[in-house]
Structures are given as C-alpha cells and as structure tokens.
N, C-alpha and C. Protein backbone atom coordinates (compact mmCIF):
# COMPACT_ATOMS: atom_id res chain seq x y z
N MET A 1 -156.40 -152.15 43.15
CA MET A 1 -157.59 -151.44 42.73
C MET A 1 -157.35 -149.94 42.92
N SER A 2 -157.45 -149.21 41.86
CA SER A 2 -157.19 -147.78 41.88
C SER A 2 -158.52 -147.03 41.77
N GLY A 3 -159.01 -146.56 42.89
CA GLY A 3 -160.28 -145.83 42.90
C GLY A 3 -160.07 -144.41 43.36
N LEU A 4 -161.14 -143.72 43.53
CA LEU A 4 -161.09 -142.35 44.01
C LEU A 4 -160.94 -142.36 45.53
N ARG A 5 -159.90 -141.70 46.01
CA ARG A 5 -159.67 -141.62 47.45
C ARG A 5 -160.25 -140.31 47.99
N PHE A 6 -160.47 -140.28 49.30
CA PHE A 6 -160.98 -139.07 49.94
C PHE A 6 -160.02 -137.90 49.72
N LEU A 7 -158.72 -138.16 49.83
CA LEU A 7 -157.75 -137.09 49.68
C LEU A 7 -157.73 -136.51 48.27
N ASP A 8 -158.15 -137.30 47.28
CA ASP A 8 -158.20 -136.79 45.91
C ASP A 8 -159.29 -135.72 45.76
N LEU A 9 -160.28 -135.74 46.62
CA LEU A 9 -161.34 -134.73 46.57
C LEU A 9 -160.84 -133.37 47.06
N VAL A 10 -159.72 -133.37 47.77
CA VAL A 10 -159.15 -132.14 48.32
C VAL A 10 -158.28 -131.42 47.29
N LYS A 11 -157.79 -132.14 46.28
CA LYS A 11 -156.85 -131.56 45.30
C LYS A 11 -157.32 -130.24 44.69
N PRO A 12 -158.58 -130.09 44.28
CA PRO A 12 -158.98 -128.81 43.66
C PRO A 12 -158.88 -127.61 44.61
N PHE A 13 -158.93 -127.84 45.91
CA PHE A 13 -158.90 -126.75 46.88
C PHE A 13 -157.49 -126.40 47.34
N THR A 14 -156.51 -127.21 46.98
CA THR A 14 -155.14 -127.01 47.43
C THR A 14 -154.58 -125.64 47.06
N PRO A 15 -154.78 -125.13 45.82
CA PRO A 15 -154.22 -123.80 45.51
C PRO A 15 -154.91 -122.66 46.26
N LEU A 16 -156.10 -122.89 46.77
CA LEU A 16 -156.86 -121.83 47.43
C LEU A 16 -156.50 -121.66 48.90
N ILE A 17 -155.90 -122.69 49.50
CA ILE A 17 -155.61 -122.66 50.93
C ILE A 17 -154.17 -122.19 51.14
N PRO A 18 -153.98 -121.16 51.96
CA PRO A 18 -152.62 -120.62 52.16
C PRO A 18 -151.73 -121.60 52.91
N GLU A 19 -150.47 -121.58 52.56
CA GLU A 19 -149.46 -122.42 53.20
C GLU A 19 -148.34 -121.52 53.71
N ILE A 20 -147.71 -121.93 54.77
CA ILE A 20 -146.55 -121.20 55.28
C ILE A 20 -145.31 -121.97 54.86
N ALA A 21 -144.42 -121.28 54.17
CA ALA A 21 -143.19 -121.92 53.69
C ALA A 21 -142.22 -122.13 54.85
N VAL A 22 -141.43 -123.17 54.74
CA VAL A 22 -140.39 -123.44 55.73
C VAL A 22 -139.33 -122.35 55.60
N PRO A 23 -138.91 -121.74 56.70
CA PRO A 23 -137.92 -120.66 56.59
C PRO A 23 -136.59 -121.17 56.06
N GLU A 24 -135.95 -120.35 55.21
CA GLU A 24 -134.67 -120.74 54.63
C GLU A 24 -133.53 -120.56 55.62
N THR A 25 -133.68 -119.63 56.54
CA THR A 25 -132.67 -119.41 57.57
C THR A 25 -133.32 -119.54 58.94
N LYS A 26 -132.50 -119.71 59.94
CA LYS A 26 -133.02 -119.83 61.30
C LYS A 26 -133.56 -118.48 61.76
N THR A 27 -134.79 -118.50 62.26
CA THR A 27 -135.42 -117.27 62.74
C THR A 27 -134.85 -116.93 64.11
N PRO A 28 -134.40 -115.69 64.29
CA PRO A 28 -133.84 -115.31 65.60
C PRO A 28 -134.89 -115.41 66.71
N PHE A 29 -134.41 -115.73 67.90
CA PHE A 29 -135.30 -115.89 69.05
C PHE A 29 -136.08 -114.61 69.33
N GLN A 30 -135.42 -113.47 69.18
CA GLN A 30 -136.08 -112.18 69.44
C GLN A 30 -137.28 -111.99 68.51
N GLN A 31 -137.12 -112.35 67.23
CA GLN A 31 -138.21 -112.20 66.27
C GLN A 31 -139.34 -113.17 66.58
N ARG A 32 -139.01 -114.39 66.96
CA ARG A 32 -140.05 -115.36 67.33
C ARG A 32 -140.82 -114.88 68.55
N LEU A 33 -140.10 -114.31 69.50
CA LEU A 33 -140.74 -113.80 70.72
C LEU A 33 -141.69 -112.64 70.39
N ILE A 34 -141.29 -111.77 69.49
CA ILE A 34 -142.14 -110.64 69.08
C ILE A 34 -143.41 -111.15 68.41
N TRP A 35 -143.27 -112.09 67.46
CA TRP A 35 -144.45 -112.60 66.75
C TRP A 35 -145.37 -113.38 67.67
N THR A 36 -144.82 -114.08 68.64
CA THR A 36 -145.64 -114.79 69.62
C THR A 36 -146.44 -113.79 70.45
N GLY A 37 -145.79 -112.70 70.85
CA GLY A 37 -146.47 -111.66 71.62
C GLY A 37 -147.58 -110.98 70.82
N VAL A 38 -147.32 -110.70 69.54
CA VAL A 38 -148.33 -110.08 68.67
C VAL A 38 -149.53 -111.01 68.52
N THR A 39 -149.25 -112.29 68.30
CA THR A 39 -150.33 -113.27 68.15
C THR A 39 -151.15 -113.37 69.43
N LEU A 40 -150.49 -113.40 70.56
CA LEU A 40 -151.19 -113.46 71.85
C LEU A 40 -152.04 -112.21 72.06
N LEU A 41 -151.51 -111.06 71.68
CA LEU A 41 -152.27 -109.81 71.82
C LEU A 41 -153.53 -109.84 70.95
N ILE A 42 -153.41 -110.31 69.71
CA ILE A 42 -154.57 -110.42 68.82
C ILE A 42 -155.61 -111.36 69.42
N PHE A 43 -155.15 -112.50 69.95
CA PHE A 43 -156.07 -113.46 70.56
C PHE A 43 -156.79 -112.83 71.75
N LEU A 44 -156.06 -112.11 72.60
CA LEU A 44 -156.68 -111.49 73.77
C LEU A 44 -157.67 -110.40 73.39
N VAL A 45 -157.36 -109.61 72.36
CA VAL A 45 -158.29 -108.57 71.90
C VAL A 45 -159.56 -109.22 71.36
N MET A 46 -159.39 -110.27 70.56
CA MET A 46 -160.57 -110.96 70.01
C MET A 46 -161.39 -111.62 71.11
N SER A 47 -160.74 -112.00 72.20
CA SER A 47 -161.47 -112.63 73.31
C SER A 47 -162.31 -111.63 74.09
N GLN A 48 -162.06 -110.34 73.89
CA GLN A 48 -162.82 -109.32 74.60
C GLN A 48 -163.83 -108.59 73.72
N MET A 49 -163.75 -108.78 72.39
CA MET A 49 -164.68 -108.11 71.48
C MET A 49 -166.01 -108.83 71.45
N PRO A 50 -167.09 -108.15 71.82
CA PRO A 50 -168.40 -108.81 71.83
C PRO A 50 -168.94 -109.00 70.42
N LEU A 51 -169.73 -110.03 70.25
CA LEU A 51 -170.42 -110.27 68.99
C LEU A 51 -171.72 -109.47 69.02
N TYR A 52 -171.93 -108.63 68.02
CA TYR A 52 -173.15 -107.83 67.97
C TYR A 52 -174.29 -108.70 67.47
N GLY A 53 -175.46 -108.51 68.07
CA GLY A 53 -176.62 -109.29 67.69
C GLY A 53 -176.90 -110.44 68.65
N ILE A 54 -175.96 -110.72 69.53
CA ILE A 54 -176.17 -111.78 70.52
C ILE A 54 -176.65 -111.12 71.80
N VAL A 55 -177.78 -111.60 72.29
CA VAL A 55 -178.36 -111.04 73.50
C VAL A 55 -177.57 -111.53 74.70
N SER A 56 -177.11 -110.57 75.50
CA SER A 56 -176.36 -110.91 76.70
C SER A 56 -177.34 -111.36 77.78
N SER A 57 -177.02 -112.46 78.42
CA SER A 57 -177.90 -112.96 79.48
C SER A 57 -177.12 -113.04 80.79
N ASP A 58 -177.85 -112.86 81.86
CA ASP A 58 -177.23 -112.91 83.18
C ASP A 58 -177.29 -114.30 83.79
N THR A 59 -177.76 -115.27 83.03
CA THR A 59 -177.84 -116.63 83.56
C THR A 59 -176.45 -117.24 83.60
N SER A 60 -176.33 -118.29 84.38
CA SER A 60 -175.02 -118.93 84.49
C SER A 60 -174.66 -119.64 83.19
N ASP A 61 -173.39 -119.73 82.94
CA ASP A 61 -172.88 -120.35 81.72
C ASP A 61 -172.69 -121.84 81.97
N PRO A 62 -173.44 -122.71 81.28
CA PRO A 62 -173.30 -124.14 81.51
C PRO A 62 -171.94 -124.69 81.04
N LEU A 63 -171.27 -123.97 80.18
CA LEU A 63 -169.97 -124.43 79.67
C LEU A 63 -168.80 -123.70 80.33
N TYR A 64 -169.03 -123.12 81.51
CA TYR A 64 -168.00 -122.31 82.16
C TYR A 64 -166.70 -123.09 82.34
N TRP A 65 -166.76 -124.28 82.88
CA TRP A 65 -165.53 -125.05 83.16
C TRP A 65 -164.89 -125.57 81.88
N LEU A 66 -165.69 -125.80 80.86
CA LEU A 66 -165.16 -126.27 79.59
C LEU A 66 -164.45 -125.15 78.83
N ARG A 67 -164.87 -123.93 79.05
CA ARG A 67 -164.29 -122.80 78.32
C ARG A 67 -162.82 -122.59 78.65
N MET A 68 -162.38 -122.96 79.81
CA MET A 68 -160.96 -122.83 80.14
C MET A 68 -160.12 -123.75 79.27
N MET A 69 -160.61 -124.95 79.00
CA MET A 69 -159.87 -125.89 78.16
C MET A 69 -159.96 -125.51 76.69
N MET A 70 -161.06 -124.89 76.28
CA MET A 70 -161.26 -124.54 74.88
C MET A 70 -160.68 -123.17 74.53
N ALA A 71 -160.18 -122.44 75.51
CA ALA A 71 -159.64 -121.09 75.32
C ALA A 71 -160.67 -120.19 74.65
N SER A 72 -161.87 -120.15 75.22
CA SER A 72 -162.94 -119.35 74.63
C SER A 72 -163.58 -118.45 75.68
N ASN A 73 -164.24 -117.42 75.20
CA ASN A 73 -165.00 -116.51 76.05
C ASN A 73 -166.41 -116.41 75.52
N ARG A 74 -167.37 -116.38 76.42
CA ARG A 74 -168.78 -116.35 76.02
C ARG A 74 -169.15 -115.02 75.38
N GLY A 75 -169.82 -115.11 74.21
CA GLY A 75 -170.33 -113.94 73.53
C GLY A 75 -169.29 -113.07 72.84
N THR A 76 -168.09 -113.60 72.58
CA THR A 76 -167.04 -112.83 71.92
C THR A 76 -166.67 -113.47 70.59
N LEU A 77 -165.75 -112.84 69.88
CA LEU A 77 -165.26 -113.40 68.62
C LEU A 77 -164.61 -114.76 68.82
N MET A 78 -164.12 -115.02 70.01
CA MET A 78 -163.48 -116.31 70.29
C MET A 78 -164.43 -117.26 71.02
N GLU A 79 -165.70 -117.21 70.66
CA GLU A 79 -166.72 -118.06 71.28
C GLU A 79 -166.34 -119.54 71.17
N LEU A 80 -165.85 -119.94 70.00
CA LEU A 80 -165.48 -121.34 69.81
C LEU A 80 -164.05 -121.62 70.25
N GLY A 81 -163.25 -120.59 70.46
CA GLY A 81 -161.88 -120.77 70.91
C GLY A 81 -161.03 -121.52 69.89
N ILE A 82 -160.18 -122.41 70.38
CA ILE A 82 -159.30 -123.18 69.50
C ILE A 82 -159.90 -124.55 69.18
N THR A 83 -161.12 -124.78 69.62
CA THR A 83 -161.75 -126.09 69.45
C THR A 83 -161.84 -126.55 68.00
N PRO A 84 -162.26 -125.72 67.02
CA PRO A 84 -162.35 -126.22 65.64
C PRO A 84 -161.02 -126.71 65.09
N ILE A 85 -159.93 -126.03 65.42
CA ILE A 85 -158.61 -126.43 64.93
C ILE A 85 -158.21 -127.77 65.52
N ILE A 86 -158.37 -127.92 66.82
CA ILE A 86 -157.98 -129.15 67.49
C ILE A 86 -158.88 -130.31 67.07
N SER A 87 -160.18 -130.05 66.96
CA SER A 87 -161.12 -131.11 66.59
C SER A 87 -160.84 -131.67 65.20
N SER A 88 -160.56 -130.79 64.23
CA SER A 88 -160.31 -131.28 62.88
C SER A 88 -159.06 -132.14 62.84
N GLY A 89 -158.02 -131.74 63.56
CA GLY A 89 -156.81 -132.55 63.61
C GLY A 89 -157.04 -133.90 64.25
N MET A 90 -157.81 -133.93 65.34
CA MET A 90 -158.09 -135.20 66.01
C MET A 90 -158.92 -136.12 65.14
N VAL A 91 -159.91 -135.58 64.44
CA VAL A 91 -160.77 -136.40 63.57
C VAL A 91 -159.95 -137.01 62.45
N PHE A 92 -159.09 -136.22 61.81
CA PHE A 92 -158.29 -136.76 60.71
C PHE A 92 -157.27 -137.78 61.20
N GLN A 93 -156.69 -137.58 62.37
CA GLN A 93 -155.77 -138.58 62.92
C GLN A 93 -156.52 -139.87 63.22
N LEU A 94 -157.73 -139.77 63.72
CA LEU A 94 -158.54 -140.96 63.98
C LEU A 94 -158.87 -141.69 62.69
N LEU A 95 -159.27 -140.95 61.66
CA LEU A 95 -159.60 -141.56 60.37
C LEU A 95 -158.38 -142.21 59.73
N ALA A 96 -157.24 -141.57 59.82
CA ALA A 96 -156.02 -142.14 59.23
C ALA A 96 -155.54 -143.34 60.06
N GLY A 97 -155.65 -143.25 61.37
CA GLY A 97 -155.20 -144.35 62.23
C GLY A 97 -156.04 -145.60 62.09
N THR A 98 -157.32 -145.44 61.84
CA THR A 98 -158.20 -146.60 61.66
C THR A 98 -158.31 -147.02 60.20
N HIS A 99 -157.54 -146.35 59.33
CA HIS A 99 -157.49 -146.66 57.89
C HIS A 99 -158.84 -146.46 57.21
N LEU A 100 -159.65 -145.55 57.73
CA LEU A 100 -160.91 -145.21 57.06
C LEU A 100 -160.65 -144.29 55.87
N ILE A 101 -159.55 -143.57 55.91
CA ILE A 101 -159.10 -142.83 54.72
C ILE A 101 -157.74 -143.41 54.34
N ASP A 102 -157.52 -143.51 53.05
CA ASP A 102 -156.29 -144.11 52.53
C ASP A 102 -155.24 -143.01 52.39
N VAL A 103 -154.26 -143.01 53.28
CA VAL A 103 -153.21 -142.00 53.24
C VAL A 103 -151.88 -142.66 53.59
N ASN A 104 -150.85 -142.33 52.81
CA ASN A 104 -149.50 -142.79 53.07
C ASN A 104 -148.66 -141.56 53.39
N LEU A 105 -148.38 -141.33 54.66
CA LEU A 105 -147.68 -140.13 55.08
C LEU A 105 -146.21 -140.13 54.70
N ASP A 106 -145.71 -141.25 54.17
CA ASP A 106 -144.33 -141.29 53.69
C ASP A 106 -144.21 -140.60 52.33
N LEU A 107 -145.31 -140.51 51.60
CA LEU A 107 -145.31 -139.83 50.30
C LEU A 107 -145.59 -138.35 50.50
N LYS A 108 -144.77 -137.50 49.88
CA LYS A 108 -144.93 -136.06 50.05
C LYS A 108 -146.28 -135.56 49.55
N ALA A 109 -146.75 -136.08 48.42
CA ALA A 109 -148.03 -135.65 47.86
C ALA A 109 -149.19 -135.99 48.80
N ASP A 110 -149.18 -137.21 49.35
CA ASP A 110 -150.23 -137.60 50.30
C ASP A 110 -150.18 -136.76 51.57
N ARG A 111 -148.96 -136.49 52.04
CA ARG A 111 -148.81 -135.70 53.26
C ARG A 111 -149.35 -134.28 53.05
N GLU A 112 -149.09 -133.68 51.87
CA GLU A 112 -149.60 -132.34 51.57
C GLU A 112 -151.12 -132.33 51.49
N LEU A 113 -151.70 -133.34 50.85
CA LEU A 113 -153.16 -133.42 50.75
C LEU A 113 -153.79 -133.64 52.12
N TYR A 114 -153.16 -134.45 52.94
CA TYR A 114 -153.66 -134.73 54.29
C TYR A 114 -153.65 -133.45 55.13
N GLN A 115 -152.56 -132.69 55.06
CA GLN A 115 -152.47 -131.44 55.82
C GLN A 115 -153.46 -130.40 55.29
N THR A 116 -153.68 -130.38 53.98
CA THR A 116 -154.67 -129.46 53.41
C THR A 116 -156.07 -129.83 53.88
N ALA A 117 -156.37 -131.11 53.93
CA ALA A 117 -157.70 -131.56 54.37
C ALA A 117 -157.93 -131.21 55.84
N GLN A 118 -156.88 -131.22 56.65
CA GLN A 118 -157.03 -130.88 58.06
C GLN A 118 -157.40 -129.41 58.25
N LYS A 119 -157.00 -128.57 57.33
CA LYS A 119 -157.29 -127.14 57.47
C LYS A 119 -158.73 -126.87 57.16
C-alpha cells in the first residue's frame, strides 16, 4: 500500500533548510579548535544578553537546577538553551523506533528527509 508518509510532507521544505556539506578534505585540528572557540564565545555572549520586555524578578527560579542541564540562563537570549534541539531529536528517534513514522534509514532519500524533519 503506497500512501502519503509523514516524511513526504517535509519534501517541500527541504530546499529552504540549510545543510552543511561534508568536507572534501580533512579539517586541521587548529581550525576546528578555532571554530569551537568562536562558537563557545557566541553561546556565552548570548547567555548574558538580556531579553528586553521581560520584567526581571527577584523571586527564586523554580527551574534553577534544571537550567544547568539545559544550558540556559534566565531572562537571556538562551532562555531555552539547547533543549529544543535535543527534544526534537529525541521525539523523532522515538517515533522512528516505535514505527509511528515510516522511515528506512538505509535509503539516502529517507535519511535526508528524516534529518530535515528533525531540524
């Protein structure tokens, strides 16, 4: 039975979502170290930039202990931290593992659609 799959709904959005190409040559360790440092610096700056329009309160943060695991800071650009990225990946792995979505990761086309849907 050939019906419409969930991954087929993602096809129109595939050209709109950026992809990172596999490097043709091995990236030197020095360059990887520099880009990792730049990325970490951007993350730390965003973790300190306050969101305008949010009223600062002196009350205790009920999510204080959870924020360490989510890599987030209260009232900043990184309020949600890395949680949305991790959550989407976990949800799609759960759906694929329980066969609620029809995906064959051995096929390149299915694998590309699956990775696009995770983004």
